[in-house]
Protein backbone atom coordinates (compact mmCIF):
# COMPACT_ATOMS: atom_id res chain seq x y z
CA MET A 1 142.58 115.44 118.37
CA PRO A 2 139.44 113.92 116.76
CA TRP A 3 137.27 116.88 117.78
CA LEU A 4 139.58 119.28 115.94
CA ASN A 5 139.51 117.12 112.80
CA ARG A 6 135.70 117.12 112.89
CA ILE A 7 135.57 120.91 113.26
CA LEU A 8 137.93 121.31 110.29
CA ARG A 9 135.85 118.83 108.29
CA LEU A 10 132.61 120.75 108.97
CA ALA A 11 134.29 124.03 108.15
CA ALA A 12 135.41 122.62 104.81
CA ILE A 13 131.89 121.40 104.04
CA ALA A 14 130.37 124.77 104.91
CA ALA A 15 132.93 126.50 102.71
CA LEU A 16 132.19 124.14 99.80
CA PHE A 17 128.45 124.82 99.97
CA THR A 18 128.50 128.53 100.78
CA ALA A 19 131.06 129.26 98.09
CA VAL A 20 128.38 128.56 95.52
CA ALA A 21 125.28 129.35 97.57
CA ALA A 22 125.37 132.51 99.64
CA SER A 23 121.57 132.86 99.73
CA PRO A 24 118.43 130.73 99.31
CA LEU A 25 117.27 129.85 95.82
CA GLN A 26 115.78 132.65 93.76
CA ALA A 27 113.17 131.98 91.09
CA GLN A 28 114.78 130.61 87.96
CA ALA A 29 113.81 130.25 84.33
CA PRO A 30 113.37 126.64 83.17
CA ALA A 31 116.71 124.90 82.93
CA VAL A 32 117.86 121.62 81.47
CA ALA A 33 119.72 119.45 83.97
CA ASP A 34 123.21 118.29 83.09
CA GLU A 35 124.46 114.75 83.66
CA ASP A 36 125.28 115.48 87.32
CA ASP A 37 121.67 116.57 87.94
CA ALA A 38 120.07 113.68 86.04
CA ALA A 39 117.40 111.65 87.82
CA THR A 40 118.78 108.68 89.67
CA THR A 41 118.07 105.04 88.90
CA LEU A 42 115.09 103.83 90.89
CA PRO A 43 115.82 101.05 93.40
CA ALA A 44 114.16 97.69 92.91
CA PRO A 45 110.92 97.12 94.85
CA GLU A 46 111.46 95.53 98.25
CA HIS A 47 107.99 94.07 98.79
CA GLU A 48 106.32 91.15 97.03
CA GLU A 49 103.02 93.05 96.73
CA THR A 50 104.78 95.77 94.73
CA ARG A 51 106.53 93.28 92.46
CA GLU A 52 103.25 91.46 91.78
CA LEU A 53 101.50 94.72 90.89
CA MET A 54 104.26 95.77 88.50
CA THR A 55 104.23 92.34 86.87
CA ARG A 56 100.44 92.59 86.39
CA VAL A 57 100.79 95.94 84.61
CA ASP A 58 103.72 94.73 82.48
CA ALA A 59 101.68 91.73 81.34
CA ALA A 60 98.66 93.97 80.70
CA VAL A 61 100.75 96.24 78.46
CA GLU A 62 101.78 93.18 76.43
CA ALA A 63 98.13 92.16 76.11
CA VAL A 64 97.05 95.62 74.94
CA GLU A 65 99.87 95.88 72.43
CA GLY A 66 99.40 92.33 71.18
CA GLU A 67 95.61 91.86 71.26
CA GLY A 68 94.22 95.39 71.09
CA VAL A 69 92.26 97.41 73.63
CA GLU A 70 88.87 95.70 73.15
CA VAL A 71 90.13 92.13 73.50
CA ALA A 72 92.48 93.03 76.35
CA CYS A 73 89.65 94.77 78.21
CA SER A 74 87.47 91.67 78.04
CA LEU A 75 90.33 89.72 79.61
CA PHE A 76 90.87 92.33 82.31
CA LYS A 77 87.22 92.05 83.37
CA GLU A 78 87.45 88.35 84.23
CA GLU A 79 87.19 88.61 88.01
CA GLY A 80 89.35 86.10 89.81
CA ALA A 81 91.94 86.06 87.03
CA SER A 82 95.40 87.51 87.55
CA TRP A 83 94.24 90.77 85.93
CA HIS A 84 91.33 91.17 88.33
CA PRO A 85 92.02 89.15 91.52
CA ASP A 86 89.32 90.94 93.54
CA ALA A 87 86.90 93.85 93.43
CA ASP A 88 89.59 96.34 94.50
CA SER A 89 92.38 95.11 92.20
CA TYR A 90 91.99 95.46 88.44
CA VAL A 91 93.69 96.77 85.32
CA PHE A 92 92.36 99.89 83.62
CA ILE A 93 93.07 101.64 80.32
CA ASN A 94 92.78 105.37 79.56
CA ASP A 95 93.56 107.21 76.38
CA ILE A 96 96.04 110.10 76.48
CA ASP A 97 93.23 112.66 76.57
CA GLY A 98 91.82 111.22 79.79
CA THR A 99 88.93 109.13 78.45
CA SER A 100 88.34 105.80 80.16
CA LEU A 101 88.57 102.93 77.68
CA CYS A 102 88.42 100.08 80.18
CA HIS A 103 87.57 100.19 83.89
CA PRO A 104 86.58 96.83 85.45
CA GLY A 105 86.12 98.50 88.84
CA LYS A 106 83.65 101.11 87.55
CA PRO A 107 82.42 100.07 84.07
CA GLY A 108 80.06 103.05 83.99
CA LEU A 109 83.07 105.33 83.51
CA GLU A 110 84.00 103.76 80.18
CA GLY A 111 83.64 106.14 77.27
CA THR A 112 83.61 109.18 79.55
CA SER A 113 86.34 111.66 80.45
CA VAL A 114 87.91 110.91 83.82
CA LEU A 115 90.38 113.78 83.57
CA GLY A 116 88.51 115.66 86.29
CA LEU A 117 88.77 112.92 88.93
CA ARG A 118 90.13 114.29 92.22
CA ASP A 119 90.76 112.67 95.56
CA PRO A 120 89.53 114.32 98.81
CA TYR A 121 92.65 116.53 98.90
CA GLY A 122 91.95 117.71 95.36
CA LYS A 123 94.75 115.63 93.85
CA PRO A 124 94.20 115.31 90.05
CA ILE A 125 94.48 111.54 89.73
CA VAL A 126 94.29 111.04 85.96
CA GLU A 127 96.36 114.14 85.23
CA ASN A 128 99.05 112.60 87.42
CA PHE A 129 98.85 109.34 85.45
CA GLU A 130 99.64 111.34 82.33
CA ARG A 131 102.36 113.41 83.97
CA GLU A 132 104.17 110.41 85.48
CA THR A 133 104.24 108.50 82.17
CA GLU A 134 105.04 111.43 79.90
CA ALA A 135 108.83 111.45 80.29
CA ASP A 136 109.82 107.86 81.12
CA GLY A 137 106.74 105.93 79.99
CA GLU A 138 105.98 104.70 83.51
CA GLY A 139 105.59 105.85 87.09
CA TRP A 140 103.71 105.71 90.38
CA VAL A 141 100.74 107.78 91.53
CA HIS A 142 99.44 107.77 95.13
CA TYR A 143 96.00 109.08 96.10
CA LEU A 144 92.98 108.48 98.32
CA TRP A 145 90.25 106.28 96.84
CA PRO A 146 87.24 104.37 98.23
CA ARG A 147 87.21 100.58 98.24
CA ALA A 148 84.60 98.77 96.14
CA ALA A 149 82.33 98.55 99.19
CA GLY A 150 82.34 102.36 99.35
CA GLY A 151 82.58 104.61 102.35
CA THR A 152 86.00 105.38 103.80
CA PHE A 153 88.86 106.53 101.57
CA TYR A 154 92.19 104.73 101.77
CA TRP A 155 95.61 105.35 100.26
CA LYS A 156 96.00 103.64 96.91
CA SER A 157 99.25 103.31 94.96
CA THR A 158 98.90 102.84 91.21
CA TYR A 159 101.59 101.81 88.76
CA VAL A 160 101.00 103.20 85.26
CA ARG A 161 102.68 102.59 81.92
CA ARG A 162 102.19 103.91 78.39
CA ALA A 163 101.39 101.37 75.69
CA GLY A 164 100.92 101.45 71.94
CA THR A 165 97.68 100.15 70.44
CA LEU A 166 97.27 98.15 67.22
CA GLU A 167 95.94 101.37 65.67
CA GLY A 168 99.19 103.16 66.46
CA LYS A 169 97.82 105.27 69.31
CA GLU A 170 99.14 105.64 72.84
CA VAL A 171 97.16 104.65 75.92
CA ILE A 172 97.87 104.48 79.65
CA VAL A 173 97.59 101.09 81.33
CA GLY A 174 97.59 100.84 85.11
CA SER A 175 96.65 98.96 88.22
CA GLY A 176 96.68 99.86 91.91
CA GLU A 177 96.53 98.39 95.38
CA PHE A 178 95.27 99.81 98.65
CA ASP A 179 97.70 100.35 101.53
CA LEU A 180 100.68 99.09 99.56
CA PRO A 181 103.81 98.99 101.76
CA MET A 182 105.98 102.07 101.39
CA GLU A 183 108.91 101.55 99.06
CA ARG A 184 112.23 103.37 98.75
CA LEU A 185 111.58 103.59 95.02
CA PHE A 186 108.51 105.77 95.78
CA VAL A 187 110.71 108.18 97.73
CA VAL A 188 113.44 108.34 95.07
CA GLU A 189 110.84 109.06 92.38
CA GLN A 190 109.25 111.68 94.67
CA VAL A 191 112.59 113.48 95.16
CA ASP A 192 113.53 113.26 91.48
CA ASP A 193 110.19 114.82 90.52
CA ALA A 194 110.68 117.56 93.12
CA VAL A 195 114.16 118.32 91.80
CA ALA A 196 112.85 118.56 88.23
CA LEU A 197 110.09 120.95 89.36
CA ILE A 198 112.54 123.16 91.26
CA GLN A 199 114.89 123.25 88.27
CA ALA A 200 111.98 124.35 86.08
CA GLU A 201 110.21 126.79 88.41
CA GLY A 202 112.74 127.81 91.05
CA GLU A 203 111.30 129.10 94.31
CA ASP A 204 107.78 129.07 92.81
CA ALA A 205 107.89 125.26 93.10
CA PHE A 206 107.84 125.41 96.89
CA ALA A 207 104.10 126.03 97.12
CA THR A 208 103.43 122.92 95.04
CA LEU A 209 105.73 120.81 97.23
CA ARG A 210 103.72 121.86 100.30
CA ASP A 211 100.31 121.27 98.69
CA LYS A 212 98.41 118.12 99.73
CA ALA A 213 96.75 118.18 96.31
CA SER A 214 100.11 117.72 94.59
CA GLY A 215 101.79 114.42 93.80
CA PHE A 216 104.44 115.16 96.44
CA ARG A 217 102.29 114.33 99.48
CA PHE A 218 101.20 110.74 100.12
CA TYR A 219 100.98 108.34 103.04
CA ASP A 220 103.28 109.92 105.66
CA SER A 221 105.89 110.96 103.10
CA TYR A 222 106.60 114.57 102.16
CA VAL A 223 109.36 116.64 100.55
CA PHE A 224 111.74 118.91 102.43
CA VAL A 225 114.23 121.43 101.05
CA MET A 226 117.25 122.95 102.81
CA ASP A 227 119.60 125.64 101.61
CA ALA A 228 123.39 125.26 101.66
CA ASN A 229 123.55 126.60 105.21
CA GLY A 230 121.13 123.97 106.54
CA VAL A 231 118.07 126.25 106.78
CA HIS A 232 114.73 124.57 106.10
CA LEU A 233 113.08 126.33 103.16
CA VAL A 234 110.31 123.71 102.77
CA ASN A 235 109.08 121.12 105.22
CA ALA A 236 105.66 119.98 104.05
CA GLY A 237 105.17 117.60 106.97
CA PHE A 238 106.26 120.03 109.69
CA PRO A 239 105.80 123.59 108.36
CA GLU A 240 106.60 124.98 111.81
CA HIS A 241 110.25 124.05 111.20
CA GLU A 242 110.57 126.17 108.07
CA GLY A 243 113.17 128.87 108.66
CA GLU A 244 114.99 126.79 111.27
CA ASN A 245 118.61 125.74 110.85
CA MET A 246 118.92 121.94 110.80
CA LEU A 247 122.63 122.04 111.61
CA ALA A 248 121.64 122.70 115.20
CA PHE A 249 119.22 119.74 115.37
CA THR A 250 120.25 116.56 117.20
CA ASP A 251 117.96 113.52 117.24
CA GLU A 252 117.36 111.44 120.37
CA ASN A 253 120.38 109.25 119.55
CA GLY A 254 122.67 112.25 119.35
CA LYS A 255 122.88 112.32 115.54
CA LYS A 256 123.28 115.74 113.94
CA VAL A 257 120.95 115.09 111.02
CA GLY A 258 121.51 118.27 109.01
CA VAL A 259 125.28 118.00 109.41
CA GLU A 260 125.24 114.39 108.21
CA MET A 261 123.20 115.34 105.13
CA LEU A 262 125.66 118.07 104.20
CA GLU A 263 128.60 115.74 104.81
CA LEU A 264 127.06 113.11 102.56
CA LEU A 265 126.36 115.55 99.73
CA ALA A 266 129.80 117.11 99.90
CA ASP A 267 131.16 113.84 98.45
CA GLN A 268 128.30 112.57 96.26
CA ASP A 269 125.17 113.78 94.49
CA ALA A 270 122.64 111.69 96.43
CA GLY A 271 122.27 109.15 99.20
CA TRP A 272 120.37 107.95 102.28
CA VAL A 273 120.54 109.23 105.87
CA ASP A 274 118.97 107.35 108.79
CA TYR A 275 117.77 109.13 111.95
CA MET A 276 114.91 109.50 114.42
CA TRP A 277 112.03 111.81 113.44
CA PRO A 278 108.28 111.85 114.25
CA ARG A 279 105.60 111.02 111.71
CA PRO A 280 103.36 113.96 110.75
CA GLY A 281 100.73 114.40 113.43
CA ASP A 282 102.57 112.08 115.84
CA ASP A 283 104.79 112.97 118.80
CA PRO A 284 107.08 109.97 119.38
CA ALA A 285 110.10 109.85 117.10
CA SER A 286 110.31 106.90 114.68
CA HIS A 287 113.14 105.47 112.64
CA LYS A 288 113.31 107.33 109.35
CA SER A 289 115.48 106.87 106.27
CA SER A 290 115.61 109.90 103.97
CA TYR A 291 116.85 110.09 100.42
CA VAL A 292 118.56 113.42 99.73
CA ARG A 293 119.86 114.97 96.52
CA ARG A 294 122.22 117.89 96.03
CA VAL A 295 120.89 120.31 93.42
CA ASP A 296 123.21 122.86 91.79
CA LEU A 297 121.16 125.55 90.10
CA PRO A 298 122.22 127.87 87.26
CA SER A 299 122.25 130.81 89.70
CA GLY A 300 125.02 129.11 91.67
CA ALA A 301 122.64 128.28 94.52
CA VAL A 302 122.84 124.81 96.07
CA LEU A 303 119.88 123.04 97.65
CA VAL A 304 119.34 119.79 99.49
CA VAL A 305 116.06 118.15 98.40
CA GLY A 306 114.84 115.08 100.24
CA ALA A 307 111.99 112.84 101.37
CA GLY A 308 111.87 109.85 103.65
CA ILE A 309 110.36 106.53 104.56
CA TYR A 310 109.56 105.46 108.13
CA THR A 311 111.04 102.04 108.79
CA ASP A 312 109.22 100.97 111.97
């Protein structure tokens, strides 16, 4: 009887999760993740535009480390070269304290502090450059920024890396592109950062995950958090669903999304689940692929933390 086997399977999953998580996460003191909670390896970029941007920044880091900031900056300002293919694409350099050392797009910023730069949502752009590169030496930051012609703000994705100067100092080297195609690597990094924040701050992290000024909201991607019973604790894209139990939700193709996520994470620490779900602010459901991670906290609570990419 297949239906009986499925019921027994779901009962076993519920028992596995609820045995260690009888209630939603309570605020926790900062904790160091063990090997099972370590950040996952980022997938390779799927789009040529992303690969070209990363290659540009990698080459720029080599130029800074080999030639020095001043010489490298003069190269980066040669419009039409690979460093500066057009007015909206260029390589910049900041020091660790947030001072602009080289900015071909806005030379007037050079020598001034850009630490206070915010996008229209209040997202601290340069602070996020520093945060993303602090642990691993590289990362992605997504924010709204005007094109060189001015006027309307568009989403810009910037890849940043730390580099050493000839004087032995550290700088941040980066370059961005407008309306870069969404990548699965962006989502994995987004979830890993959310997991690290929750492990450090517990329930207090939820407000940051919901905040449009945080690094966790960009394009149409957002973070969601479920407890071990399938209840939405955070849904930054659809806050009206917070408090609802996802185990009861069935998408238009009949897929029980919450059940599938719990099934997946009963056997492994992380993975992808495909289903139909609307984009924020849009009614029709679209194809969505969400990356979810199981998080075991020191309190014994278990959470599902995820974010997704729309694939159509």
